[in-house]
Amino acid sequence: SLLDAVQEHSPMVGRFWLVVMLLFRILVLATVGSDVFEDEQEEFVCNTQQPGCKPVCYDAAFPISHYRFLVFHVVVLSAPAALFVIFAVHQAA
């Protein structure tokens, strides 16, 4: 009955678009995300030679990890779908 309630309140194009976007982003993140962003700080060059400068310079240049940003993006993309399922369950009850 949960799926019936969700299908009653959502259009076909919206369901298809959400599934395609979620699967595409999760697929990209799982297949190439970890390999691409595995060595983020390896080739980064700091302009001074002080000890401990490289992590500080990198954090100043890139405050958030690209891989974590992509994971956050998938979570934010799936949040409206989760809220919609909660709404549909509430309407069905």
PDB file of N, CA and C in Angstrom:
ATOM      1  N   SER A   1       0.819  -1.199   0.000  1.00  0.00           N
ATOM      2  CA  SER A   1       0.000   0.000   0.000  1.00  0.00           C
ATOM      3  C   SER A   1       0.860   1.258   0.000  1.00  0.00           C
ATOM      4  N   LEU A   2       2.087   1.156   0.493  1.00  0.00           N
ATOM      5  CA  LEU A   2       2.978   2.320   0.485  1.00  0.00           C
ATOM      6  C   LEU A   2       3.294   2.744  -0.943  1.00  0.00           C
ATOM      7  N   LEU A   3       3.611   1.789  -1.793  1.00  0.00           N
ATOM      8  CA  LEU A   3       3.911   2.120  -3.189  1.00  0.00           C
ATOM      9  C   LEU A   3       2.684   2.669  -3.911  1.00  0.00           C
ATOM     10  N   ASP A   4       1.511   2.154  -3.582  1.00  0.00           N
ATOM     11  CA  ASP A   4       0.287   2.683  -4.183  1.00  0.00           C
ATOM     12  C   ASP A   4       0.056   4.128  -3.770  1.00  0.00           C
ATOM     13  N   ALA A   5       0.325   4.428  -2.498  1.00  0.00           N
ATOM     14  CA  ALA A   5       0.150   5.803  -2.018  1.00  0.00           C
ATOM     15  C   ALA A   5       1.143   6.744  -2.682  1.00  0.00           C
ATOM     16  N   VAL A   6       2.373   6.298  -2.848  1.00  0.00           N
ATOM     17  CA  VAL A   6       3.381   7.140  -3.498  1.00  0.00           C
ATOM     18  C   VAL A   6       3.030   7.344  -4.967  1.00  0.00           C
ATOM     19  N   GLN A   7       2.603   6.302  -5.651  1.00  0.00           N
ATOM     20  CA  GLN A   7       2.265   6.419  -7.071  1.00  0.00           C
ATOM     21  C   GLN A   7       1.020   7.266  -7.298  1.00  0.00           C
ATOM     22  N   GLU A   8       0.141   7.302  -6.322  1.00  0.00           N
ATOM     23  CA  GLU A   8      -1.075   8.110  -6.451  1.00  0.00           C
ATOM     24  C   GLU A   8      -0.750   9.601  -6.475  1.00  0.00           C
ATOM     25  N   HIS A   9       0.297  10.023  -5.755  1.00  0.00           N
ATOM     26  CA  HIS A   9       0.619  11.442  -5.624  1.00  0.00           C
ATOM     27  C   HIS A   9       1.776  11.908  -6.501  1.00  0.00           C
ATOM     28  N   SER A  10       2.389  11.037  -7.277  1.00  0.00           N
ATOM     29  CA  SER A  10       3.544  11.465  -8.074  1.00  0.00           C
ATOM     30  C   SER A  10       3.313  11.203  -9.558  1.00  0.00           C
ATOM     31  N   PRO A  11       3.748  12.124 -10.415  1.00  0.00           N
ATOM     32  CA  PRO A  11       3.607  11.915 -11.853  1.00  0.00           C
ATOM     33  C   PRO A  11       4.663  10.936 -12.373  1.00  0.00           C
ATOM     34  N   MET A  12       4.394  10.361 -13.508  1.00  0.00           N
ATOM     35  CA  MET A  12       5.284   9.365 -14.097  1.00  0.00           C
ATOM     36  C   MET A  12       6.645   9.968 -14.451  1.00  0.00           C
ATOM     37  N   VAL A  13       6.655  11.167 -14.998  1.00  0.00           N
ATOM     38  CA  VAL A  13       7.910  11.806 -15.389  1.00  0.00           C
ATOM     39  C   VAL A  13       8.766  12.069 -14.153  1.00  0.00           C
ATOM     40  N   GLY A  14       8.161  12.506 -13.063  1.00  0.00           N
ATOM     41  CA  GLY A  14       8.907  12.771 -11.832  1.00  0.00           C
ATOM     42  C   GLY A  14       9.529  11.520 -11.256  1.00  0.00           C
ATOM     43  N   ARG A  15       8.794  10.422 -11.248  1.00  0.00           N
ATOM     44  CA  ARG A  15       9.339   9.153 -10.746  1.00  0.00           C
ATOM     45  C   ARG A  15      10.504   8.688 -11.610  1.00  0.00           C
ATOM     46  N   PHE A  16      10.333   8.756 -12.913  1.00  0.00           N
ATOM     47  CA  PHE A  16      11.381   8.310 -13.824  1.00  0.00           C
ATOM     48  C   PHE A  16      12.631   9.178 -13.683  1.00  0.00           C
ATOM     49  N   TRP A  17      12.452  10.496 -13.639  1.00  0.00           N
ATOM     50  CA  TRP A  17      13.579  11.419 -13.528  1.00  0.00           C
ATOM     51  C   TRP A  17      14.357  11.199 -12.239  1.00  0.00           C
ATOM     52  N   LEU A  18      13.658  11.027 -11.130  1.00  0.00           N
ATOM     53  CA  LEU A  18      14.322  10.828  -9.847  1.00  0.00           C
ATOM     54  C   LEU A  18      15.132   9.536  -9.840  1.00  0.00           C
ATOM     55  N   VAL A  19      14.565   8.472 -10.342  1.00  0.00           N
ATOM     56  CA  VAL A  19      15.268   7.190 -10.365  1.00  0.00           C
ATOM     57  C   VAL A  19      16.502   7.271 -11.264  1.00  0.00           C
ATOM     58  N   VAL A  20      16.364   7.870 -12.425  1.00  0.00           N
ATOM     59  CA  VAL A  20      17.500   7.989 -13.348  1.00  0.00           C
ATOM     60  C   VAL A  20      18.613   8.826 -12.732  1.00  0.00           C
ATOM     61  N   MET A  21      18.265   9.956 -12.145  1.00  0.00           N
ATOM     62  CA  MET A  21      19.288  10.833 -11.557  1.00  0.00           C
ATOM     63  C   MET A  21      19.976  10.174 -10.377  1.00  0.00           C
ATOM     64  N   LEU A  22      19.222   9.532  -9.511  1.00  0.00           N
ATOM     65  CA  LEU A  22      19.835   8.862  -8.358  1.00  0.00           C
ATOM     66  C   LEU A  22      20.753   7.725  -8.799  1.00  0.00           C
ATOM     67  N   LEU A  23      20.277   6.893  -9.702  1.00  0.00           N
ATOM     68  CA  LEU A  23      21.097   5.776 -10.157  1.00  0.00           C
ATOM     69  C   LEU A  23      22.353   6.269 -10.887  1.00  0.00           C
ATOM     70  N   PHE A  24      22.212   7.285 -11.727  1.00  0.00           N
ATOM     71  CA  PHE A  24      23.364   7.816 -12.452  1.00  0.00           C
ATOM     72  C   PHE A  24      24.400   8.379 -11.490  1.00  0.00           C
ATOM     73  N   ARG A  25      23.980   9.173 -10.528  1.00  0.00           N
ATOM     74  CA  ARG A  25      24.930   9.796  -9.609  1.00  0.00           C
ATOM     75  C   ARG A  25      25.578   8.773  -8.689  1.00  0.00           C
ATOM     76  N   ILE A  26      24.804   7.815  -8.210  1.00  0.00           N
ATOM     77  CA  ILE A  26      25.378   6.775  -7.352  1.00  0.00           C
ATOM     78  C   ILE A  26      26.333   5.907  -8.155  1.00  0.00           C
ATOM     79  N   LEU A  27      25.990   5.606  -9.389  1.00  0.00           N
ATOM     80  CA  LEU A  27      26.866   4.814 -10.248  1.00  0.00           C
ATOM     81  C   LEU A  27      28.186   5.533 -10.509  1.00  0.00           C
ATOM     82  N   VAL A  28      28.122   6.808 -10.828  1.00  0.00           N
ATOM     83  CA  VAL A  28      29.344   7.582 -11.066  1.00  0.00           C
ATOM     84  C   VAL A  28      30.168   7.662  -9.795  1.00  0.00           C
ATOM     85  N   LEU A  29      29.524   7.910  -8.676  1.00  0.00           N
ATOM     86  CA  LEU A  29      30.231   8.029  -7.406  1.00  0.00           C
ATOM     87  C   LEU A  29      30.896   6.714  -7.013  1.00  0.00           C
ATOM     88  N   ALA A  30      30.207   5.605  -7.224  1.00  0.00           N
ATOM     89  CA  ALA A  30      30.750   4.307  -6.826  1.00  0.00           C
ATOM     90  C   ALA A  30      31.852   3.815  -7.761  1.00  0.00           C
ATOM     91  N   THR A  31      31.736   4.114  -9.051  1.00  0.00           N
ATOM     92  CA  THR A  31      32.710   3.565  -9.992  1.00  0.00           C
ATOM     93  C   THR A  31      33.978   4.398 -10.111  1.00  0.00           C
ATOM     94  N   VAL A  32      33.849   5.695 -10.310  1.00  0.00           N
ATOM     95  CA  VAL A  32      35.037   6.499 -10.544  1.00  0.00           C
ATOM     96  C   VAL A  32      35.336   7.520  -9.459  1.00  0.00           C
ATOM     97  N   GLY A  33      34.420   7.761  -8.571  1.00  0.00           N
ATOM     98  CA  GLY A  33      34.610   8.801  -7.559  1.00  0.00           C
ATOM     99  C   GLY A  33      35.796   8.556  -6.652  1.00  0.00           C
ATOM    100  N   SER A  34      35.909   7.361  -6.123  1.00  0.00           N
ATOM    101  CA  SER A  34      37.004   7.088  -5.194  1.00  0.00           C
ATOM    102  C   SER A  34      38.356   7.053  -5.914  1.00  0.00           C
ATOM    103  N   ASP A  35      38.393   6.595  -7.153  1.00  0.00           N
ATOM    104  CA  ASP A  35      39.652   6.559  -7.896  1.00  0.00           C
ATOM    105  C   ASP A  35      40.113   7.961  -8.301  1.00  0.00           C
ATOM    106  N   VAL A  36      39.189   8.803  -8.691  1.00  0.00           N
ATOM    107  CA  VAL A  36      39.544  10.143  -9.152  1.00  0.00           C
ATOM    108  C   VAL A  36      40.022  11.014  -7.994  1.00  0.00           C
ATOM    109  N   PHE A  37      39.324  10.941  -6.859  1.00  0.00           N
ATOM    110  CA  PHE A  37      39.643  11.828  -5.742  1.00  0.00           C
ATOM    111  C   PHE A  37      40.412  11.119  -4.636  1.00  0.00           C
ATOM    112  N   GLU A  38      41.074  10.018  -4.949  1.00  0.00           N
ATOM    113  CA  GLU A  38      41.793   9.228  -3.957  1.00  0.00           C
ATOM    114  C   GLU A  38      43.013   9.972  -3.404  1.00  0.00           C
ATOM    115  N   ASP A  39      43.757  10.637  -4.263  1.00  0.00           N
ATOM    116  CA  ASP A  39      44.975  11.323  -3.844  1.00  0.00           C
ATOM    117  C   ASP A  39      44.834  12.828  -4.058  1.00  0.00           C
ATOM    118  N   GLU A  40      43.900  13.421  -3.343  1.00  0.00           N
ATOM    119  CA  GLU A  40      43.610  14.834  -3.546  1.00  0.00           C
ATOM    120  C   GLU A  40      44.809  15.722  -3.243  1.00  0.00           C
ATOM    121  N   GLN A  41      45.558  15.413  -2.185  1.00  0.00           N
ATOM    122  CA  GLN A  41      46.632  16.295  -1.760  1.00  0.00           C
ATOM    123  C   GLN A  41      48.007  15.907  -2.318  1.00  0.00           C
ATOM    124  N   GLU A  42      48.080  14.834  -3.070  1.00  0.00           N
ATOM    125  CA  GLU A  42      49.382  14.337  -3.525  1.00  0.00           C
ATOM    126  C   GLU A  42      50.103  15.319  -4.443  1.00  0.00           C
ATOM    127  N   GLU A  43      49.413  15.888  -5.416  1.00  0.00           N
ATOM    128  CA  GLU A  43      50.053  16.773  -6.378  1.00  0.00           C
ATOM    129  C   GLU A  43      49.894  18.256  -6.027  1.00  0.00           C
ATOM    130  N   PHE A  44      49.317  18.554  -4.882  1.00  0.00           N
ATOM    131  CA  PHE A  44      49.139  19.941  -4.484  1.00  0.00           C
ATOM    132  C   PHE A  44      50.476  20.525  -4.045  1.00  0.00           C
ATOM    133  N   VAL A  45      50.813  21.704  -4.532  1.00  0.00           N
ATOM    134  CA  VAL A  45      52.089  22.349  -4.210  1.00  0.00           C
ATOM    135  C   VAL A  45      51.807  23.579  -3.358  1.00  0.00           C
ATOM    136  N   CYS A  46      52.432  23.636  -2.183  1.00  0.00           N
ATOM    137  CA  CYS A  46      52.306  24.790  -1.301  1.00  0.00           C
ATOM    138  C   CYS A  46      53.437  25.764  -1.621  1.00  0.00           C
ATOM    139  N   ASN A  47      53.183  27.055  -1.485  1.00  0.00           N
ATOM    140  CA  ASN A  47      54.192  28.032  -1.892  1.00  0.00           C
ATOM    141  C   ASN A  47      55.266  28.288  -0.830  1.00  0.00           C
ATOM    142  N   THR A  48      55.177  27.669   0.335  1.00  0.00           N
ATOM    143  CA  THR A  48      56.244  27.777   1.339  1.00  0.00           C
ATOM    144  C   THR A  48      56.702  26.379   1.709  1.00  0.00           C
ATOM    145  N   GLN A  49      57.841  26.283   2.351  1.00  0.00           N
ATOM    146  CA  GLN A  49      58.384  24.979   2.725  1.00  0.00           C
ATOM    147  C   GLN A  49      58.292  24.731   4.235  1.00  0.00           C
ATOM    148  N   GLN A  50      57.410  25.449   4.929  1.00  0.00           N
ATOM    149  CA  GLN A  50      57.256  25.242   6.363  1.00  0.00           C
ATOM    150  C   GLN A  50      56.606  23.899   6.636  1.00  0.00           C
ATOM    151  N   PRO A  51      56.993  23.233   7.738  1.00  0.00           N
ATOM    152  CA  PRO A  51      56.335  21.981   8.097  1.00  0.00           C
ATOM    153  C   PRO A  51      54.866  22.232   8.436  1.00  0.00           C
ATOM    154  N   GLY A  52      54.002  21.374   7.937  1.00  0.00           N
ATOM    155  CA  GLY A  52      52.574  21.499   8.210  1.00  0.00           C
ATOM    156  C   GLY A  52      51.860  22.484   7.316  1.00  0.00           C
ATOM    157  N   CYS A  53      52.578  23.067   6.392  1.00  0.00           N
ATOM    158  CA  CYS A  53      51.961  24.069   5.523  1.00  0.00           C
ATOM    159  C   CYS A  53      51.053  23.423   4.474  1.00  0.00           C
ATOM    160  N   LYS A  54      51.444  22.263   3.976  1.00  0.00           N
ATOM    161  CA  LYS A  54      50.685  21.641   2.887  1.00  0.00           C
ATOM    162  C   LYS A  54      49.226  21.371   3.261  1.00  0.00           C
ATOM    163  N   PRO A  55      48.924  20.763   4.427  1.00  0.00           N
ATOM    164  CA  PRO A  55      47.507  20.575   4.763  1.00  0.00           C
ATOM    165  C   PRO A  55      46.764  21.886   4.982  1.00  0.00           C
ATOM    166  N   VAL A  56      47.425  22.868   5.575  1.00  0.00           N
ATOM    167  CA  VAL A  56      46.774  24.150   5.829  1.00  0.00           C
ATOM    168  C   VAL A  56      46.485  24.873   4.515  1.00  0.00           C
ATOM    169  N   CYS A  57      47.446  24.879   3.610  1.00  0.00           N
ATOM    170  CA  CYS A  57      47.245  25.516   2.299  1.00  0.00           C
ATOM    171  C   CYS A  57      46.139  24.799   1.519  1.00  0.00           C
ATOM    172  N   TYR A  58      46.143  23.480   1.570  1.00  0.00           N
ATOM    173  CA  TYR A  58      45.132  22.717   0.837  1.00  0.00           C
ATOM    174  C   TYR A  58      43.744  22.986   1.402  1.00  0.00           C
ATOM    175  N   ASP A  59      43.625  23.021   2.728  1.00  0.00           N
ATOM    176  CA  ASP A  59      42.331  23.290   3.342  1.00  0.00           C
ATOM    177  C   ASP A  59      41.847  24.703   3.043  1.00  0.00           C
ATOM    178  N   ALA A  60      42.779  25.650   2.934  1.00  0.00           N
ATOM    179  CA  ALA A  60      42.396  27.012   2.587  1.00  0.00           C
ATOM    180  C   ALA A  60      41.936  27.100   1.132  1.00  0.00           C
ATOM    181  N   ALA A  61      42.569  26.339   0.256  1.00  0.00           N
ATOM    182  CA  ALA A  61      42.208  26.371  -1.166  1.00  0.00           C
ATOM    183  C   ALA A  61      40.940  25.580  -1.447  1.00  0.00           C
ATOM    184  N   PHE A  62      40.795  24.439  -0.804  1.00  0.00           N
ATOM    185  CA  PHE A  62      39.643  23.558  -1.028  1.00  0.00           C
ATOM    186  C   PHE A  62      39.037  23.193   0.325  1.00  0.00           C
ATOM    187  N   PRO A  63      38.100  23.962   0.827  1.00  0.00           N
ATOM    188  CA  PRO A  63      37.578  23.719   2.176  1.00  0.00           C
ATOM    189  C   PRO A  63      36.774  22.422   2.319  1.00  0.00           C
ATOM    190  N   ILE A  64      36.274  21.861   1.223  1.00  0.00           N
ATOM    191  CA  ILE A  64      35.524  20.612   1.312  1.00  0.00           C
ATOM    192  C   ILE A  64      36.099  19.630   0.293  1.00  0.00           C
ATOM    193  N   SER A  65      36.168  18.383   0.685  1.00  0.00           N
ATOM    194  CA  SER A  65      36.660  17.338  -0.208  1.00  0.00           C
ATOM    195  C   SER A  65      35.672  17.149  -1.363  1.00  0.00           C
ATOM    196  N   HIS A  66      36.191  16.950  -2.556  1.00  0.00           N
ATOM    197  CA  HIS A  66      35.324  16.767  -3.718  1.00  0.00           C
ATOM    198  C   HIS A  66      34.478  15.498  -3.581  1.00  0.00           C
ATOM    199  N   TYR A  67      35.080  14.445  -3.080  1.00  0.00           N
ATOM    200  CA  TYR A  67      34.350  13.180  -2.912  1.00  0.00           C
ATOM    201  C   TYR A  67      33.224  13.351  -1.889  1.00  0.00           C
ATOM    202  N   ARG A  68      33.516  14.019  -0.782  1.00  0.00           N
ATOM    203  CA  ARG A  68      32.476  14.271   0.221  1.00  0.00           C
ATOM    204  C   ARG A  68      31.392  15.173  -0.333  1.00  0.00           C
ATOM    205  N   PHE A  69      31.765  16.118  -1.192  1.00  0.00           N
ATOM    206  CA  PHE A  69      30.767  16.969  -1.823  1.00  0.00           C
ATOM    207  C   PHE A  69      29.840  16.153  -2.713  1.00  0.00           C
ATOM    208  N   LEU A  70      30.376  15.201  -3.457  1.00  0.00           N
ATOM    209  CA  LEU A  70      29.531  14.358  -4.302  1.00  0.00           C
ATOM    210  C   LEU A  70      28.607  13.479  -3.468  1.00  0.00           C
ATOM    211  N   VAL A  71      29.106  12.953  -2.346  1.00  0.00           N
ATOM    212  CA  VAL A  71      28.254  12.163  -1.456  1.00  0.00           C
ATOM    213  C   VAL A  71      27.151  13.048  -0.882  1.00  0.00           C
ATOM    214  N   PHE A  72      27.502  14.253  -0.460  1.00  0.00           N
ATOM    215  CA  PHE A  72      26.508  15.204   0.039  1.00  0.00           C
ATOM    216  C   PHE A  72      25.475  15.517  -1.032  1.00  0.00           C
ATOM    217  N   HIS A  73      25.919  15.638  -2.273  1.00  0.00           N
ATOM    218  CA  HIS A  73      25.013  15.923  -3.381  1.00  0.00           C
ATOM    219  C   HIS A  73      23.998  14.792  -3.572  1.00  0.00           C
ATOM    220  N   VAL A  74      24.437  13.547  -3.476  1.00  0.00           N
ATOM    221  CA  VAL A  74      23.521  12.413  -3.598  1.00  0.00           C
ATOM    222  C   VAL A  74      22.517  12.412  -2.443  1.00  0.00           C
ATOM    223  N   VAL A  75      22.982  12.723  -1.238  1.00  0.00           N
ATOM    224  CA  VAL A  75      22.077  12.767  -0.085  1.00  0.00           C
ATOM    225  C   VAL A  75      21.041  13.878  -0.263  1.00  0.00           C
ATOM    226  N   VAL A  76      21.486  15.040  -0.714  1.00  0.00           N
ATOM    227  CA  VAL A  76      20.562  16.153  -0.920  1.00  0.00           C
ATOM    228  C   VAL A  76      19.581  15.833  -2.049  1.00  0.00           C
ATOM    229  N   LEU A  77      20.031  15.138  -3.059  1.00  0.00           N
ATOM    230  CA  LEU A  77      19.150  14.764  -4.161  1.00  0.00           C
ATOM    231  C   LEU A  77      18.094  13.756  -3.728  1.00  0.00           C
ATOM    232  N   SER A  78      18.453  12.865  -2.809  1.00  0.00           N
ATOM    233  CA  SER A  78      17.491  11.854  -2.376  1.00  0.00           C
ATOM    234  C   SER A  78      16.596  12.333  -1.237  1.00  0.00           C
ATOM    235  N   ALA A  79      16.915  13.448  -0.604  1.00  0.00           N
ATOM    236  CA  ALA A  79      16.098  13.951   0.507  1.00  0.00           C
ATOM    237  C   ALA A  79      14.670  14.300   0.086  1.00  0.00           C
ATOM    238  N   PRO A  80      14.427  14.988  -1.030  1.00  0.00           N
ATOM    239  CA  PRO A  80      13.040  15.260  -1.412  1.00  0.00           C
ATOM    240  C   PRO A  80      12.223  13.985  -1.655  1.00  0.00           C
ATOM    241  N   ALA A  81      12.857  12.969  -2.201  1.00  0.00           N
ATOM    242  CA  ALA A  81      12.132  11.711  -2.417  1.00  0.00           C
ATOM    243  C   ALA A  81      11.740  11.081  -1.084  1.00  0.00           C
ATOM    244  N   ALA A  82      12.644  11.112  -0.118  1.00  0.00           N
ATOM    245  CA  ALA A  82      12.329  10.564   1.205  1.00  0.00           C
ATOM    246  C   ALA A  82      11.219  11.368   1.868  1.00  0.00           C
ATOM    247  N   LEU A  83      11.277  12.688   1.753  1.00  0.00           N
ATOM    248  CA  LEU A  83      10.211  13.521   2.314  1.00  0.00           C
ATOM    249  C   LEU A  83       8.878  13.259   1.622  1.00  0.00           C
ATOM    250  N   PHE A  84       8.916  13.026   0.325  1.00  0.00           N
ATOM    251  CA  PHE A  84       7.681  12.730  -0.401  1.00  0.00           C
ATOM    252  C   PHE A  84       7.088  11.396   0.034  1.00  0.00           C
ATOM    253  N   VAL A  85       7.930  10.401   0.266  1.00  0.00           N
ATOM    254  CA  VAL A  85       7.431   9.107   0.745  1.00  0.00           C
ATOM    255  C   VAL A  85       6.793   9.275   2.126  1.00  0.00           C
ATOM    256  N   ILE A  86       7.417  10.077   2.974  1.00  0.00           N
ATOM    257  CA  ILE A  86       6.847  10.341   4.297  1.00  0.00           C
ATOM    258  C   ILE A  86       5.497  11.042   4.142  1.00  0.00           C
ATOM    259  N   PHE A  87       5.393  12.002   3.240  1.00  0.00           N
ATOM    260  CA  PHE A  87       4.132  12.696   2.982  1.00  0.00           C
ATOM    261  C   PHE A  87       3.071  11.726   2.486  1.00  0.00           C
ATOM    262  N   ALA A  88       3.430  10.847   1.555  1.00  0.00           N
ATOM    263  CA  ALA A  88       2.460   9.894   1.006  1.00  0.00           C
ATOM    264  C   ALA A  88       1.967   8.915   2.082  1.00  0.00           C
ATOM    265  N   VAL A  89       2.855   8.495   2.958  1.00  0.00           N
ATOM    266  CA  VAL A  89       2.448   7.600   4.048  1.00  0.00           C
ATOM    267  C   VAL A  89       1.498   8.339   4.990  1.00  0.00           C
ATOM    268  N   HIS A  90       1.809   9.610   5.247  1.00  0.00           N
ATOM    269  CA  HIS A  90       0.939  10.405   6.124  1.00  0.00           C
ATOM    270  C   HIS A  90      -0.448  10.599   5.504  1.00  0.00           C
ATOM    271  N   GLN A  91      -0.494  10.842   4.186  1.00  0.00           N
ATOM    272  CA  GLN A  91      -1.773  11.015   3.502  1.00  0.00           C
ATOM    273  C   GLN A  91      -2.553   9.705   3.461  1.00  0.00           C
ATOM    274  N   ALA A  92      -1.867   8.597   3.331  1.00  0.00           N
ATOM    275  CA  ALA A  92      -2.545   7.299   3.280  1.00  0.00           C
ATOM    276  C   ALA A  92      -3.111   6.909   4.640  1.00  0.00           C
ATOM    277  N   ALA A  93      -2.480   7.387   5.719  1.00  0.00           N
ATOM    278  CA  ALA A  93      -2.947   7.029   7.067  1.00  0.00           C
ATOM    279  C   ALA A  93      -4.082   7.863   7.513  1.00  0.00           C
TER     280      ALA A  93
END
